[in-house]
Amino acid sequence: MQSDSTACGLPPSHHAVLDPITLVLGGQSIAAEANPSAPLYELGRDVTDTSPKPSSAKFERIEYEDEDLVKSRSTVSLDQRSQHLFYLTHPLHAQYRTDVPAYYITSVSPEMPGKVVFQISKTLLRKPEFKAILVPGRTSPDGHLFDSATQKTLFHVKSKWKGGQYQWIDYAGQKVAHESSKNNEYKLVISKPIDRATRDILAAAWALRLWHDVAESRKAKWEYLERMTAPDTPSPYLNMKWAKRAGALGAAAGAGAA
């Protein structure tokens, strides 16, 4: 049977199909809800932080020597190693740029031969919708990094209503996962078996979508405006001038009181 990753444009996975799982984001780690002490993925930054820097983050898969111990939720020390899979990127000042997408993923792994770009559409009645688009190859024939001529949709992310949960729909129109968030706890409930390569890019795209929500929030935009309008290092001359003026006003007030 053809794997999901092959059908949606990814190469065949050499790993067994993985069972449904609920992923939980905690800081810079993503773990299974059933075993939060054994992270499955690590990120190079906290995507729920409103700071614009760093503008890209490593996305690594954590592999364990004994997967059976992980499944059994053993508390013994687990030998592990990390495999760098992707970079998640939200370029600085992306809203003013046309040369790169505002949110995208580049791959350092041969399992993902290309880049994943977020296409974002907004409506009045619903939350923003996202399409995770695979752009095959490192560069296009004309040398551009992102070539729309050969793109393929991996996932369509949308909610049924404005306050509803985000649903992750695959290339075939099948729901593969949905999001859940409460009290700043973020979960991705993967509801069908998928192979490892597909879960890797699904988890990475989910983290990037959360980054979008935080970066586009009112709080982040307000902090951005504050940084843009805040003066640079105060001038010693201006500080002295204001000190003299304050002293003069204080003296005048004292004379009036007398």
Protein backbone atom coordinates (compact mmCIF):
# COMPACT_ATOMS: atom_id res chain seq x y z
CA MET A 1 0.00 0.00 0.00
CA GLN A 2 1.29 3.46 -0.85
CA SER A 3 2.20 5.50 2.19
CA ASP A 4 0.60 8.85 2.90
CA SER A 5 3.93 10.62 2.48
CA THR A 6 4.39 9.27 -1.04
CA ALA A 7 0.89 10.23 -2.10
CA CYS A 8 1.11 13.81 -0.85
CA GLY A 9 4.41 14.49 -2.54
CA LEU A 10 6.90 13.26 0.04
CA PRO A 11 9.29 10.38 -0.69
CA PRO A 12 8.51 6.92 0.72
CA SER A 13 9.26 6.68 4.43
CA HIS A 14 11.61 3.98 5.66
CA HIS A 15 9.86 3.92 9.03
CA ALA A 16 6.79 2.02 10.14
CA VAL A 17 3.43 3.73 10.22
CA LEU A 18 2.96 5.52 13.55
CA ASP A 19 -0.15 5.27 15.69
CA PRO A 20 -2.39 8.27 16.42
CA ILE A 21 -0.92 10.51 19.09
CA THR A 22 -1.54 13.78 20.92
CA LEU A 23 1.42 16.15 20.76
CA VAL A 24 1.87 18.84 23.41
CA LEU A 25 4.03 21.93 23.04
CA GLY A 26 5.92 22.93 26.16
CA GLY A 27 8.46 25.73 25.80
CA GLN A 28 10.89 24.57 23.12
CA SER A 29 9.86 20.90 23.26
CA ILE A 30 7.08 18.84 21.72
CA ALA A 31 6.23 15.60 23.51
CA ALA A 32 3.50 13.00 23.55
CA GLU A 33 0.76 13.87 26.03
CA ALA A 34 1.06 10.32 27.38
CA ASN A 35 4.79 10.73 28.10
CA PRO A 36 5.75 14.40 28.52
CA SER A 37 9.15 13.56 30.02
CA ALA A 38 10.46 12.17 26.71
CA PRO A 39 10.39 14.95 24.07
CA LEU A 40 9.84 13.90 20.47
CA TYR A 41 10.94 17.21 18.94
CA GLU A 42 13.02 20.22 19.98
CA LEU A 43 12.77 23.76 18.61
CA GLY A 44 15.48 26.38 18.49
CA ARG A 45 13.17 29.01 19.99
CA ASP A 46 9.93 29.29 21.90
CA VAL A 47 7.38 29.97 19.15
CA THR A 48 4.92 31.33 21.73
CA ASP A 49 7.33 34.16 22.61
CA THR A 50 6.45 37.52 21.04
CA SER A 51 10.09 38.47 20.49
CA PRO A 52 10.91 38.77 16.76
CA LYS A 53 14.37 37.30 17.26
CA PRO A 54 15.64 34.86 16.32
CA SER A 55 13.76 34.93 13.01
CA SER A 56 14.46 31.26 12.31
CA ALA A 57 14.54 28.19 14.50
CA LYS A 58 15.93 24.69 14.22
CA PHE A 59 13.41 21.87 14.31
CA GLU A 60 14.94 18.60 15.48
CA ARG A 61 13.55 15.11 15.94
CA ILE A 62 14.63 13.34 19.12
CA GLU A 63 15.39 9.67 18.62
CA TYR A 64 15.79 7.13 21.41
CA GLU A 65 17.87 3.98 21.37
CA ASP A 66 15.10 1.98 23.03
CA GLU A 67 11.68 3.06 21.73
CA ASP A 68 10.01 0.39 23.88
CA LEU A 69 11.15 2.19 27.03
CA VAL A 70 9.66 5.41 25.69
CA LYS A 71 6.34 3.71 24.97
CA SER A 72 6.32 2.16 28.45
CA ARG A 73 6.94 5.60 30.00
CA SER A 74 10.00 4.25 31.78
CA THR A 75 11.74 6.62 34.17
CA VAL A 76 15.19 5.14 33.50
CA SER A 77 17.74 7.26 31.67
CA LEU A 78 17.12 7.11 27.92
CA ASP A 79 19.93 7.27 25.40
CA GLN A 80 18.90 9.79 22.79
CA ARG A 81 20.16 11.72 19.83
CA SER A 82 18.77 14.62 17.86
CA GLN A 83 18.37 14.80 14.09
CA HIS A 84 18.12 18.24 12.55
CA LEU A 85 15.21 18.17 10.08
CA PHE A 86 14.08 21.72 9.30
CA TYR A 87 14.43 25.43 9.81
CA LEU A 88 11.24 27.30 10.67
CA THR A 89 11.45 30.88 9.45
CA HIS A 90 9.54 34.12 9.94
CA PRO A 91 11.77 36.81 8.38
CA LEU A 92 12.19 40.12 10.16
CA HIS A 93 9.93 42.84 8.73
CA ALA A 94 8.19 40.18 6.64
CA GLN A 95 5.12 42.38 6.24
CA TYR A 96 7.18 44.79 4.13
CA ARG A 97 8.94 42.20 1.97
CA THR A 98 7.97 40.55 -1.30
CA ASP A 99 11.09 38.45 -1.93
CA VAL A 100 10.26 35.74 0.61
CA PRO A 101 7.09 34.33 2.22
CA ALA A 102 6.21 35.53 5.69
CA TYR A 103 6.26 31.98 7.10
CA TYR A 104 8.06 28.99 5.61
CA ILE A 105 10.07 25.86 6.34
CA THR A 106 13.33 24.81 4.73
CA SER A 107 14.64 21.27 4.95
CA VAL A 108 18.06 19.92 5.80
CA SER A 109 16.86 16.33 5.51
CA PRO A 110 16.69 14.24 2.30
CA GLU A 111 13.28 13.01 3.49
CA MET A 112 11.84 16.42 2.55
CA PRO A 113 13.21 17.42 -0.87
CA GLY A 114 12.09 21.03 -0.91
CA LYS A 115 10.51 23.81 1.11
CA VAL A 116 7.11 24.26 2.72
CA VAL A 117 5.43 27.64 2.39
CA PHE A 118 2.38 28.88 4.26
CA GLN A 119 -0.30 30.48 2.12
CA ILE A 120 -2.54 32.46 4.47
CA SER A 121 -6.03 33.72 3.69
CA LYS A 122 -8.24 35.75 6.00
CA THR A 123 -12.01 36.04 6.17
CA LEU A 124 -14.37 38.07 8.33
CA LEU A 125 -16.41 35.16 9.66
CA ARG A 126 -13.63 32.67 10.35
CA LYS A 127 -10.12 32.53 11.67
CA PRO A 128 -7.31 32.73 9.09
CA GLU A 129 -6.90 29.65 6.91
CA PHE A 130 -3.55 28.14 6.00
CA LYS A 131 -2.24 25.95 3.23
CA ALA A 132 1.07 24.18 3.75
CA ILE A 133 2.50 24.08 0.23
CA LEU A 134 5.43 21.85 -0.75
CA VAL A 135 7.76 23.53 -3.25
CA PRO A 136 10.04 20.74 -4.53
CA GLY A 137 13.74 21.28 -5.10
CA ARG A 138 16.31 23.57 -3.57
CA THR A 139 15.83 26.23 -6.26
CA SER A 140 13.61 26.57 -9.30
CA PRO A 141 14.98 26.42 -12.87
CA ASP A 142 15.05 30.23 -13.05
CA GLY A 143 17.04 30.46 -9.82
CA HIS A 144 14.23 31.62 -7.55
CA LEU A 145 13.98 30.00 -4.14
CA PHE A 146 10.20 29.59 -4.33
CA ASP A 147 8.67 28.37 -7.59
CA SER A 148 4.87 28.11 -7.63
CA ALA A 149 4.79 26.12 -10.88
CA THR A 150 5.54 22.80 -9.19
CA GLN A 151 3.95 23.30 -5.79
CA LYS A 152 1.78 20.70 -4.07
CA THR A 153 -0.60 21.15 -1.16
CA LEU A 154 0.33 19.02 1.85
CA PHE A 155 -2.22 20.29 4.35
CA HIS A 156 -5.17 22.68 4.45
CA VAL A 157 -5.68 24.12 7.92
CA LYS A 158 -9.03 25.69 8.72
CA SER A 159 -11.75 25.98 11.34
CA LYS A 160 -15.46 25.42 10.85
CA TRP A 161 -16.35 28.68 12.59
CA LYS A 162 -14.57 31.70 14.00
CA GLY A 163 -14.04 30.27 17.46
CA GLY A 164 -13.62 26.66 16.38
CA GLN A 165 -10.63 24.38 16.53
CA TYR A 166 -8.25 24.23 13.63
CA GLN A 167 -8.63 21.08 11.53
CA TRP A 168 -5.69 19.71 9.52
CA ILE A 169 -6.88 18.26 6.21
CA ASP A 170 -4.50 16.26 4.01
CA TYR A 171 -4.05 16.25 0.21
CA ALA A 172 -6.93 13.76 -0.17
CA GLY A 173 -9.40 15.82 1.84
CA GLN A 174 -9.13 13.60 4.93
CA LYS A 175 -8.86 15.06 8.41
CA VAL A 176 -5.58 13.92 9.98
CA ALA A 177 -5.47 16.12 13.08
CA HIS A 178 -7.05 18.95 15.03
CA GLU A 179 -5.68 21.51 17.45
CA SER A 180 -6.64 22.15 21.03
CA SER A 181 -5.55 25.01 23.25
CA LYS A 182 -6.53 25.93 26.78
CA ASN A 183 -4.76 28.00 29.43
CA ASN A 184 -1.74 28.45 27.14
CA GLU A 185 -1.41 24.69 26.64
CA TYR A 186 -1.19 23.79 22.97
CA LYS A 187 -2.02 20.35 21.63
CA LEU A 188 -2.15 18.69 18.23
CA VAL A 189 -4.36 15.60 18.22
CA ILE A 190 -3.28 13.35 15.34
CA SER A 191 -6.28 11.12 14.73
CA LYS A 192 -5.08 8.70 12.06
CA PRO A 193 -1.97 6.56 11.50
CA ILE A 194 0.73 8.34 9.49
CA ASP A 195 4.35 7.59 8.72
CA ARG A 196 7.25 9.31 10.42
CA ALA A 197 8.11 11.71 7.59
CA THR A 198 4.52 12.95 7.46
CA ARG A 199 4.36 13.37 11.24
CA ASP A 200 7.64 15.30 11.17
CA ILE A 201 6.40 17.90 8.72
CA LEU A 202 2.95 17.99 10.35
CA ALA A 203 4.50 18.78 13.74
CA ALA A 204 6.82 21.39 12.22
CA ALA A 205 3.99 23.07 10.31
CA TRP A 206 1.87 23.11 13.48
CA ALA A 207 4.69 24.85 15.37
CA LEU A 208 5.02 27.38 12.55
CA ARG A 209 1.26 28.03 12.60
CA LEU A 210 1.41 28.71 16.34
CA TRP A 211 4.31 31.08 15.69
CA HIS A 212 2.10 32.91 13.20
CA ASP A 213 -0.68 33.34 15.76
CA VAL A 214 1.71 34.80 18.33
CA ALA A 215 3.62 37.01 15.87
CA GLU A 216 0.38 38.41 14.41
CA SER A 217 -1.26 38.98 17.79
CA ARG A 218 -2.14 42.45 19.08
CA LYS A 219 0.43 42.07 21.84
CA ALA A 220 3.25 41.33 19.40
CA LYS A 221 2.24 44.19 17.11
CA TRP A 222 2.06 46.60 20.02
CA GLU A 223 5.53 45.55 21.19
CA TYR A 224 6.80 45.99 17.63
CA LEU A 225 5.45 49.55 17.49
CA GLU A 226 7.04 50.32 20.84
CA ARG A 227 10.41 49.10 19.58
CA MET A 228 10.07 51.11 16.37
CA THR A 229 9.10 54.35 18.12
CA ALA A 230 11.34 54.05 21.17
CA PRO A 231 14.36 56.40 21.03
CA ASP A 232 17.81 54.92 20.73
CA THR A 233 20.37 55.46 23.46
CA PRO A 234 19.42 58.73 25.17
CA SER A 235 21.70 61.66 24.40
CA PRO A 236 23.73 62.89 27.43
CA TYR A 237 23.19 66.45 26.17
CA LEU A 238 19.42 66.03 26.22
CA ASN A 239 19.56 64.46 29.68
CA MET A 240 21.59 67.43 30.99
CA LYS A 241 19.23 69.89 29.31
CA TRP A 242 16.19 68.28 30.92
CA ALA A 243 17.96 68.16 34.29
CA LYS A 244 18.70 71.89 34.14
CA ARG A 245 15.11 72.65 33.12
CA ALA A 246 13.76 70.51 35.96
CA GLY A 247 16.09 72.28 38.39
CA ALA A 248 14.94 75.69 37.20
CA LEU A 249 11.29 74.72 37.54
CA GLY A 250 11.96 73.40 41.02
CA ALA A 251 13.67 76.64 42.04
CA ALA A 252 10.80 78.72 40.68
CA ALA A 253 8.30 76.61 42.56
CA GLY A 254 10.29 77.06 45.76
CA ALA A 255 10.45 80.83 45.32
CA GLY A 256 6.70 80.98 44.77
CA ALA A 257 6.07 79.02 47.93
CA ALA A 258 8.27 81.39 49.89
